[in-house]
Amino acid sequence: MVDTILEPPLLQRQAAFTSRVLLGRLRHQTFFSLAEANQAIAAMLDRLNGKVKTSLKPTRSSTSSSTSVMQASGIAP
């Protein structure tokens, strides 16, 4: 469940940032199979999603779980 609706320019900027980070860090590696490349990308995405956002402070992956806990306890987000 998405808590906020993001504007298309913001989504485009976030997608561009993510692709630059992934491609920049993986460009010097050689992958011999698609599965190997997907595994490296998944590891990078996990690390990127675990970083603390400077504007809101919670991690990207904990944002959805904390909202569901607040909703279950009756606290409005």
N, C-alpha and C. Protein backbone atom coordinates (compact mmCIF):
# COMPACT_ATOMS: atom_id res chain seq x y z
N MET A 1 0.85 -1.17 0.00
CA MET A 1 0.00 0.00 0.00
C MET A 1 0.89 1.24 0.00
N VAL A 2 0.63 2.13 -0.90
CA VAL A 2 1.43 3.35 -1.01
C VAL A 2 0.81 4.43 -0.14
N ASP A 3 1.63 5.04 0.72
CA ASP A 3 1.12 6.05 1.64
C ASP A 3 0.97 7.41 0.96
N THR A 4 1.90 7.76 0.11
CA THR A 4 1.84 9.05 -0.56
C THR A 4 1.88 8.84 -2.06
N ILE A 5 1.26 9.73 -2.77
CA ILE A 5 1.29 9.68 -4.23
C ILE A 5 2.41 10.60 -4.68
N LEU A 6 3.36 10.04 -5.42
CA LEU A 6 4.50 10.82 -5.88
C LEU A 6 4.21 11.38 -7.27
N GLU A 7 4.66 12.56 -7.49
CA GLU A 7 4.49 13.21 -8.78
C GLU A 7 5.39 12.54 -9.82
N PRO A 8 4.96 12.49 -11.09
CA PRO A 8 5.78 11.85 -12.13
C PRO A 8 7.21 12.41 -12.25
N PRO A 9 7.45 13.72 -12.15
CA PRO A 9 8.84 14.18 -12.24
C PRO A 9 9.70 13.64 -11.10
N LEU A 10 9.12 13.52 -9.90
CA LEU A 10 9.86 12.97 -8.77
C LEU A 10 10.19 11.50 -9.01
N LEU A 11 9.23 10.76 -9.53
CA LEU A 11 9.46 9.35 -9.83
C LEU A 11 10.54 9.18 -10.88
N GLN A 12 10.51 10.03 -11.91
CA GLN A 12 11.53 9.96 -12.95
C GLN A 12 12.90 10.26 -12.39
N ARG A 13 12.99 11.24 -11.51
CA ARG A 13 14.26 11.61 -10.90
C ARG A 13 14.78 10.47 -10.03
N GLN A 14 13.90 9.83 -9.27
CA GLN A 14 14.31 8.70 -8.43
C GLN A 14 14.75 7.51 -9.26
N ALA A 15 14.04 7.23 -10.34
CA ALA A 15 14.42 6.11 -11.21
C ALA A 15 15.77 6.38 -11.88
N ALA A 16 16.01 7.61 -12.30
CA ALA A 16 17.29 7.97 -12.91
C ALA A 16 18.42 7.84 -11.90
N PHE A 17 18.18 8.29 -10.67
CA PHE A 17 19.20 8.17 -9.63
C PHE A 17 19.54 6.71 -9.36
N THR A 18 18.51 5.88 -9.23
CA THR A 18 18.72 4.46 -8.95
C THR A 18 19.49 3.78 -10.07
N SER A 19 19.13 4.07 -11.31
CA SER A 19 19.83 3.43 -12.43
C SER A 19 21.28 3.92 -12.51
N ARG A 20 21.53 5.20 -12.22
CA ARG A 20 22.91 5.70 -12.23
C ARG A 20 23.74 5.03 -11.15
N VAL A 21 23.17 4.88 -9.98
CA VAL A 21 23.90 4.24 -8.88
C VAL A 21 24.21 2.79 -9.22
N LEU A 22 23.21 2.06 -9.70
CA LEU A 22 23.41 0.65 -10.02
C LEU A 22 24.42 0.46 -11.15
N LEU A 23 24.22 1.19 -12.24
CA LEU A 23 25.12 1.03 -13.38
C LEU A 23 26.53 1.52 -13.06
N GLY A 24 26.62 2.58 -12.27
CA GLY A 24 27.93 3.10 -11.92
C GLY A 24 28.74 2.13 -11.09
N ARG A 25 28.08 1.42 -10.19
CA ARG A 25 28.80 0.49 -9.32
C ARG A 25 29.04 -0.87 -9.98
N LEU A 26 28.23 -1.23 -10.95
CA LEU A 26 28.35 -2.55 -11.57
C LEU A 26 29.05 -2.52 -12.93
N ARG A 27 29.44 -1.35 -13.41
CA ARG A 27 29.94 -1.26 -14.79
C ARG A 27 31.30 -1.92 -15.00
N HIS A 28 32.08 -2.10 -13.96
CA HIS A 28 33.40 -2.70 -14.12
C HIS A 28 33.40 -4.19 -13.82
N GLN A 29 32.24 -4.76 -13.57
CA GLN A 29 32.15 -6.19 -13.32
C GLN A 29 31.74 -6.91 -14.58
N THR A 30 32.19 -8.15 -14.71
CA THR A 30 31.83 -8.99 -15.84
C THR A 30 30.89 -10.08 -15.34
N PHE A 31 29.74 -10.20 -15.98
CA PHE A 31 28.76 -11.21 -15.61
C PHE A 31 28.69 -12.24 -16.72
N PHE A 32 28.71 -13.50 -16.34
CA PHE A 32 28.70 -14.58 -17.32
C PHE A 32 27.33 -15.22 -17.47
N SER A 33 26.37 -14.77 -16.68
CA SER A 33 25.00 -15.26 -16.83
C SER A 33 24.04 -14.17 -16.35
N LEU A 34 22.83 -14.27 -16.81
CA LEU A 34 21.80 -13.33 -16.40
C LEU A 34 21.49 -13.48 -14.91
N ALA A 35 21.52 -14.70 -14.43
CA ALA A 35 21.26 -14.94 -13.00
C ALA A 35 22.32 -14.26 -12.13
N GLU A 36 23.55 -14.29 -12.56
CA GLU A 36 24.64 -13.64 -11.82
C GLU A 36 24.45 -12.13 -11.79
N ALA A 37 24.04 -11.56 -12.91
CA ALA A 37 23.79 -10.12 -12.98
C ALA A 37 22.59 -9.74 -12.11
N ASN A 38 21.53 -10.53 -12.16
CA ASN A 38 20.35 -10.26 -11.33
C ASN A 38 20.67 -10.35 -9.85
N GLN A 39 21.53 -11.28 -9.47
CA GLN A 39 21.92 -11.43 -8.07
C GLN A 39 22.70 -10.20 -7.60
N ALA A 40 23.58 -9.68 -8.44
CA ALA A 40 24.36 -8.49 -8.08
C ALA A 40 23.45 -7.26 -7.98
N ILE A 41 22.48 -7.15 -8.89
CA ILE A 41 21.55 -6.03 -8.86
C ILE A 41 20.66 -6.10 -7.62
N ALA A 42 20.20 -7.30 -7.28
CA ALA A 42 19.36 -7.46 -6.09
C ALA A 42 20.11 -7.07 -4.82
N ALA A 43 21.38 -7.44 -4.74
CA ALA A 43 22.18 -7.08 -3.57
C ALA A 43 22.36 -5.56 -3.49
N MET A 44 22.57 -4.92 -4.63
CA MET A 44 22.74 -3.46 -4.65
C MET A 44 21.42 -2.77 -4.27
N LEU A 45 20.29 -3.28 -4.74
CA LEU A 45 19.01 -2.68 -4.40
C LEU A 45 18.70 -2.83 -2.92
N ASP A 46 19.03 -3.99 -2.34
CA ASP A 46 18.83 -4.17 -0.91
C ASP A 46 19.65 -3.16 -0.11
N ARG A 47 20.88 -2.97 -0.53
CA ARG A 47 21.74 -2.01 0.17
C ARG A 47 21.24 -0.58 -0.03
N LEU A 48 20.79 -0.25 -1.23
CA LEU A 48 20.27 1.08 -1.51
C LEU A 48 18.97 1.34 -0.75
N ASN A 49 18.08 0.36 -0.68
CA ASN A 49 16.81 0.53 0.03
C ASN A 49 16.99 0.57 1.54
N GLY A 50 18.09 0.07 2.04
CA GLY A 50 18.34 0.08 3.47
C GLY A 50 18.95 1.37 3.98
N LYS A 51 19.36 2.25 3.07
CA LYS A 51 19.98 3.50 3.49
C LYS A 51 18.93 4.43 4.10
N VAL A 52 19.35 5.24 5.04
CA VAL A 52 18.45 6.18 5.69
C VAL A 52 18.26 7.39 4.79
N LYS A 53 17.00 7.75 4.57
CA LYS A 53 16.69 8.94 3.79
C LYS A 53 16.99 10.17 4.64
N THR A 54 17.63 11.16 4.06
CA THR A 54 18.00 12.33 4.84
C THR A 54 16.81 13.22 5.16
N SER A 55 15.77 13.20 4.34
CA SER A 55 14.64 14.09 4.57
C SER A 55 13.66 13.56 5.62
N LEU A 56 13.46 12.25 5.68
CA LEU A 56 12.45 11.69 6.57
C LEU A 56 13.02 10.79 7.66
N LYS A 57 14.23 10.34 7.53
CA LYS A 57 14.98 9.53 8.48
C LYS A 57 14.68 8.02 8.51
N PRO A 58 13.48 7.51 8.27
CA PRO A 58 13.36 6.05 8.27
C PRO A 58 13.94 5.47 6.98
N THR A 59 14.28 4.20 7.00
CA THR A 59 14.78 3.57 5.79
C THR A 59 13.63 3.34 4.83
N ARG A 60 13.96 3.14 3.58
CA ARG A 60 12.92 2.93 2.56
C ARG A 60 12.16 1.63 2.82
N SER A 61 12.87 0.61 3.27
CA SER A 61 12.20 -0.68 3.48
C SER A 61 11.37 -0.70 4.75
N SER A 62 11.72 0.11 5.75
CA SER A 62 10.95 0.10 7.00
C SER A 62 9.75 1.03 6.96
N THR A 63 9.65 1.87 5.96
CA THR A 63 8.56 2.83 5.88
C THR A 63 7.21 2.12 5.78
N SER A 64 7.10 1.12 4.93
CA SER A 64 5.81 0.45 4.76
C SER A 64 5.46 -0.38 6.00
N SER A 65 6.45 -0.99 6.65
CA SER A 65 6.14 -1.81 7.82
C SER A 65 5.75 -0.94 9.01
N SER A 66 6.38 0.24 9.17
CA SER A 66 6.03 1.10 10.29
C SER A 66 4.63 1.70 10.12
N THR A 67 4.24 1.97 8.88
CA THR A 67 2.91 2.49 8.63
C THR A 67 1.85 1.46 8.97
N SER A 68 2.09 0.20 8.61
CA SER A 68 1.11 -0.84 8.93
C SER A 68 1.01 -1.05 10.44
N VAL A 69 2.11 -0.91 11.18
CA VAL A 69 2.07 -1.04 12.63
C VAL A 69 1.27 0.11 13.22
N MET A 70 1.45 1.34 12.71
CA MET A 70 0.72 2.48 13.21
C MET A 70 -0.77 2.34 12.91
N GLN A 71 -1.11 1.83 11.73
CA GLN A 71 -2.51 1.65 11.39
C GLN A 71 -3.15 0.57 12.26
N ALA A 72 -2.40 -0.48 12.56
CA ALA A 72 -2.93 -1.57 13.38
C ALA A 72 -3.16 -1.10 14.82
N SER A 73 -2.32 -0.17 15.29
CA SER A 73 -2.47 0.30 16.66
C SER A 73 -3.45 1.47 16.78
N GLY A 74 -4.00 1.93 15.65
CA GLY A 74 -4.98 2.99 15.69
C GLY A 74 -4.39 4.38 15.57
N ILE A 75 -3.08 4.48 15.33
CA ILE A 75 -2.44 5.79 15.17
C ILE A 75 -2.50 6.18 13.70
N ALA A 76 -3.01 7.34 13.42
CA ALA A 76 -3.10 7.80 12.03
C ALA A 76 -1.73 8.24 11.55
N PRO A 77 -1.31 7.84 10.33
CA PRO A 77 -0.01 8.25 9.80
C PRO A 77 0.02 9.70 9.42
